[in-house]
N, C-alpha and C. Protein backbone atom coordinates (compact mmCIF):
# COMPACT_ATOMS: atom_id res chain seq x y z
N MET A 1 24.72 178.50 -52.10
CA MET A 1 26.10 178.04 -52.00
C MET A 1 26.67 178.62 -50.74
N LEU A 2 27.48 177.91 -49.99
CA LEU A 2 28.18 178.32 -48.71
C LEU A 2 29.66 178.05 -48.82
N LYS A 3 30.33 178.99 -48.48
CA LYS A 3 31.78 178.87 -48.44
C LYS A 3 32.26 178.92 -46.89
N ILE A 4 33.05 178.07 -46.54
CA ILE A 4 33.55 178.03 -45.17
C ILE A 4 35.04 178.34 -45.21
N GLU A 5 35.46 179.38 -44.54
CA GLU A 5 36.88 179.68 -44.40
C GLU A 5 37.22 179.60 -42.89
N ARG A 6 38.37 178.99 -42.71
CA ARG A 6 38.88 178.80 -41.34
C ARG A 6 40.04 179.64 -41.01
N SER A 7 40.15 180.18 -39.74
CA SER A 7 41.20 180.93 -39.29
C SER A 7 41.45 180.52 -37.81
N SER A 8 42.75 180.68 -37.34
CA SER A 8 43.01 180.37 -35.98
C SER A 8 44.09 181.24 -35.43
N ASP A 9 43.98 181.59 -34.15
CA ASP A 9 44.97 182.37 -33.53
C ASP A 9 45.83 181.53 -32.68
N GLY A 10 45.74 180.27 -32.83
CA GLY A 10 46.50 179.26 -32.04
C GLY A 10 45.63 178.70 -30.79
N ASN A 11 44.75 179.53 -30.35
CA ASN A 11 43.74 179.11 -29.30
C ASN A 11 42.34 178.89 -29.66
N VAL A 12 41.83 179.83 -30.50
CA VAL A 12 40.48 179.72 -31.00
C VAL A 12 40.44 179.63 -32.48
N THR A 13 39.59 178.61 -32.97
CA THR A 13 39.34 178.49 -34.37
C THR A 13 38.09 179.19 -34.77
N THR A 14 38.18 180.10 -35.79
CA THR A 14 36.96 180.76 -36.38
C THR A 14 36.63 180.17 -37.66
N LEU A 15 35.40 179.80 -37.74
CA LEU A 15 34.81 179.33 -39.07
C LEU A 15 34.03 180.57 -39.58
N HIS A 16 34.41 181.14 -40.71
CA HIS A 16 33.79 182.20 -41.39
C HIS A 16 32.93 181.66 -42.45
N LEU A 17 31.55 181.84 -42.23
CA LEU A 17 30.58 181.36 -43.23
C LEU A 17 30.29 182.45 -44.20
N ILE A 18 30.31 182.24 -45.53
CA ILE A 18 30.03 183.16 -46.53
C ILE A 18 28.97 182.60 -47.49
N GLY A 19 27.90 183.43 -47.66
CA GLY A 19 26.91 183.02 -48.54
C GLY A 19 25.56 182.44 -47.86
N ARG A 20 25.00 181.44 -48.31
CA ARG A 20 23.75 180.87 -47.80
C ARG A 20 23.97 179.61 -47.06
N LEU A 21 23.46 179.63 -45.89
CA LEU A 21 23.51 178.36 -45.07
C LEU A 21 22.09 177.65 -45.15
N GLN A 22 22.17 176.60 -45.84
CA GLN A 22 21.00 175.79 -46.03
C GLN A 22 21.22 174.33 -45.65
N GLU A 23 20.15 173.59 -45.43
CA GLU A 23 20.13 172.22 -44.94
C GLU A 23 21.25 171.35 -45.53
N GLU A 24 21.49 171.52 -46.94
CA GLU A 24 22.46 170.59 -47.47
C GLU A 24 23.92 170.93 -46.97
N HIS A 25 24.12 172.14 -46.37
CA HIS A 25 25.39 172.41 -46.03
C HIS A 25 25.85 172.06 -44.60
N ILE A 26 24.85 171.65 -43.86
CA ILE A 26 24.97 171.29 -42.47
C ILE A 26 25.96 170.13 -42.24
N PRO A 27 25.95 169.06 -42.94
CA PRO A 27 26.95 167.96 -42.78
C PRO A 27 28.45 168.52 -42.93
N GLU A 28 28.60 169.28 -43.92
CA GLU A 28 30.01 169.85 -44.21
C GLU A 28 30.32 170.68 -42.98
N LEU A 29 29.45 171.59 -42.53
CA LEU A 29 29.78 172.46 -41.38
C LEU A 29 29.95 171.61 -40.12
N ILE A 30 29.26 170.54 -39.83
CA ILE A 30 29.53 169.59 -38.80
C ILE A 30 30.98 169.09 -38.88
N ARG A 31 31.31 168.62 -40.03
CA ARG A 31 32.78 168.08 -40.24
C ARG A 31 33.74 169.11 -39.87
N GLU A 32 33.54 170.30 -40.38
CA GLU A 32 34.52 171.47 -40.00
C GLU A 32 34.68 171.67 -38.50
N ILE A 33 33.41 171.67 -37.91
CA ILE A 33 33.46 171.93 -36.39
C ILE A 33 34.24 170.85 -35.64
N GLU A 34 33.91 169.61 -36.13
CA GLU A 34 34.56 168.37 -35.47
C GLU A 34 36.08 168.38 -35.63
N LYS A 35 36.59 168.87 -36.74
CA LYS A 35 38.10 168.90 -36.86
C LYS A 35 38.66 170.13 -36.41
N SER A 36 37.97 170.97 -35.78
CA SER A 36 38.46 172.32 -35.38
C SER A 36 39.02 172.43 -34.00
N GLY A 37 38.90 171.29 -33.29
CA GLY A 37 39.42 171.34 -31.92
C GLY A 37 38.32 171.82 -30.88
N SER A 38 38.81 172.09 -29.75
CA SER A 38 37.90 172.35 -28.61
C SER A 38 37.22 173.77 -28.56
N VAL A 39 38.01 174.78 -29.03
CA VAL A 39 37.54 176.11 -28.89
C VAL A 39 37.22 176.63 -30.23
N ILE A 40 35.96 176.95 -30.52
CA ILE A 40 35.60 177.22 -31.89
C ILE A 40 34.52 178.40 -31.74
N GLN A 41 34.55 179.14 -32.74
CA GLN A 41 33.42 180.25 -32.96
C GLN A 41 33.11 180.31 -34.39
N ILE A 42 31.84 180.79 -34.63
CA ILE A 42 31.41 180.86 -36.04
C ILE A 42 31.08 182.27 -36.37
N SER A 43 31.69 182.83 -37.38
CA SER A 43 31.49 184.20 -37.85
C SER A 43 30.46 184.15 -38.88
N MET A 44 29.37 184.99 -38.66
CA MET A 44 28.23 185.11 -39.57
C MET A 44 28.19 186.33 -40.35
N ALA A 45 29.28 187.08 -40.37
CA ALA A 45 29.20 188.42 -40.98
C ALA A 45 28.85 188.52 -42.48
N GLU A 46 29.13 187.42 -43.22
CA GLU A 46 28.93 187.35 -44.63
C GLU A 46 27.89 186.36 -45.01
N VAL A 47 26.93 185.96 -44.04
CA VAL A 47 25.79 185.07 -44.42
C VAL A 47 24.69 185.95 -44.76
N ASP A 48 24.11 185.67 -45.87
CA ASP A 48 23.00 186.56 -46.34
C ASP A 48 21.68 185.80 -46.42
N LEU A 49 21.69 184.49 -46.20
CA LEU A 49 20.34 183.79 -46.15
C LEU A 49 20.58 182.49 -45.39
N VAL A 50 19.56 182.21 -44.58
CA VAL A 50 19.55 180.78 -43.69
C VAL A 50 18.23 180.26 -43.87
N ASP A 51 18.10 179.00 -44.03
CA ASP A 51 16.81 178.38 -44.01
C ASP A 51 16.53 177.82 -42.58
N LEU A 52 15.44 177.24 -42.46
CA LEU A 52 14.91 176.72 -41.09
C LEU A 52 15.87 175.71 -40.47
N ALA A 53 16.34 174.79 -41.28
CA ALA A 53 17.32 173.84 -40.79
C ALA A 53 18.54 174.47 -40.36
N GLY A 54 19.00 175.53 -41.12
CA GLY A 54 20.20 176.24 -40.71
C GLY A 54 20.09 176.97 -39.49
N ILE A 55 18.84 177.61 -39.24
CA ILE A 55 18.57 178.33 -37.96
C ILE A 55 18.62 177.28 -36.81
N ARG A 56 18.05 176.17 -37.00
CA ARG A 56 17.97 175.09 -35.87
C ARG A 56 19.27 174.72 -35.61
N PHE A 57 20.13 174.51 -36.65
CA PHE A 57 21.58 174.01 -36.42
C PHE A 57 22.32 175.08 -35.69
N LEU A 58 22.17 176.35 -35.98
CA LEU A 58 22.80 177.47 -35.37
C LEU A 58 22.33 177.64 -33.96
N ALA A 59 21.16 177.33 -33.71
CA ALA A 59 20.49 177.38 -32.33
C ALA A 59 21.13 176.33 -31.40
N ARG A 60 21.35 175.16 -32.10
CA ARG A 60 22.09 174.13 -31.24
C ARG A 60 23.51 174.43 -31.01
N CYS A 61 24.14 174.95 -32.02
CA CYS A 61 25.51 175.34 -31.77
C CYS A 61 25.64 176.39 -30.55
N ARG A 62 24.75 177.34 -30.70
CA ARG A 62 24.80 178.47 -29.55
C ARG A 62 24.51 177.77 -28.22
N SER A 63 23.53 176.91 -28.09
CA SER A 63 23.18 176.23 -26.89
C SER A 63 24.28 175.42 -26.37
N GLU A 64 25.15 174.94 -27.22
CA GLU A 64 26.23 174.08 -26.85
C GLU A 64 27.51 174.94 -26.52
N GLY A 65 27.34 176.18 -26.63
CA GLY A 65 28.47 177.18 -26.24
C GLY A 65 29.31 177.60 -27.33
N ILE A 66 28.85 177.37 -28.59
CA ILE A 66 29.67 177.94 -29.67
C ILE A 66 29.21 179.35 -30.01
N PRO A 67 30.04 180.40 -29.74
CA PRO A 67 29.64 181.73 -30.05
C PRO A 67 29.37 181.96 -31.63
N LEU A 68 28.33 182.75 -31.78
CA LEU A 68 27.96 183.10 -33.26
C LEU A 68 28.27 184.66 -33.30
N LEU A 69 29.35 184.89 -34.05
CA LEU A 69 29.77 186.30 -34.14
C LEU A 69 29.09 187.01 -35.36
N ASN A 70 28.84 188.33 -35.23
CA ASN A 70 28.47 189.09 -36.30
C ASN A 70 27.20 188.76 -37.03
N SER A 71 26.39 188.08 -36.34
CA SER A 71 25.10 187.67 -36.89
C SER A 71 24.22 188.79 -37.18
N SER A 72 23.42 188.81 -38.30
CA SER A 72 22.44 189.82 -38.56
C SER A 72 21.32 189.76 -37.59
N GLN A 73 20.62 190.88 -37.34
CA GLN A 73 19.66 190.97 -36.35
C GLN A 73 18.56 189.90 -36.63
N TYR A 74 18.06 189.85 -37.94
CA TYR A 74 17.02 188.87 -38.25
C TYR A 74 17.45 187.43 -37.94
N ILE A 75 18.59 187.02 -38.15
CA ILE A 75 19.13 185.73 -37.84
C ILE A 75 19.12 185.44 -36.37
N THR A 76 19.66 186.48 -35.63
CA THR A 76 19.66 186.31 -34.13
C THR A 76 18.35 186.23 -33.54
N GLU A 77 17.42 186.94 -34.07
CA GLU A 77 16.03 186.85 -33.52
C GLU A 77 15.33 185.66 -33.82
N TRP A 78 15.56 185.05 -35.03
CA TRP A 78 15.02 183.88 -35.35
C TRP A 78 15.61 182.72 -34.62
N ILE A 79 16.85 182.72 -34.32
CA ILE A 79 17.46 181.74 -33.44
C ILE A 79 16.86 181.86 -32.02
N ASP A 80 16.71 183.03 -31.50
CA ASP A 80 16.06 183.24 -30.21
C ASP A 80 14.76 182.56 -30.13
N LYS A 81 13.94 182.77 -31.23
CA LYS A 81 12.55 182.18 -31.25
C LYS A 81 12.63 180.60 -31.17
N GLU A 82 13.59 180.05 -31.90
CA GLU A 82 13.73 178.59 -31.94
C GLU A 82 14.22 178.01 -30.59
N LEU A 83 14.83 178.80 -29.79
CA LEU A 83 15.30 178.41 -28.48
C LEU A 83 14.30 178.49 -27.45
N LEU A 84 13.13 179.26 -27.62
CA LEU A 84 12.08 179.23 -26.66
C LEU A 84 11.36 178.02 -26.47
C-alpha cells in the first residue's frame, strides 16, 4: 500500500510517499506529478519497500530533474545502479 501526501510552499510541491512503492502505484504517482505543476520534489522518508518497477520509475524521475529527498541508502544505491 502506498499513501501519497502533497504539500506546497507556494513555489515547490512535495509529494510525500508513505509505505510501499510498487508497480501498481506508478500510474497514480504519475497523475500526482502531472497535476503538481512545474517544480516538484519527492520525499522518500517514509518509504519502506520499493520493487524493481518503482526503482526504475524513481530513476527516471531523478534523471528528469525531480529531487528525491530523504531516500534510504539502499534505495539510493539501487537507483544509482539502474542509471549506469
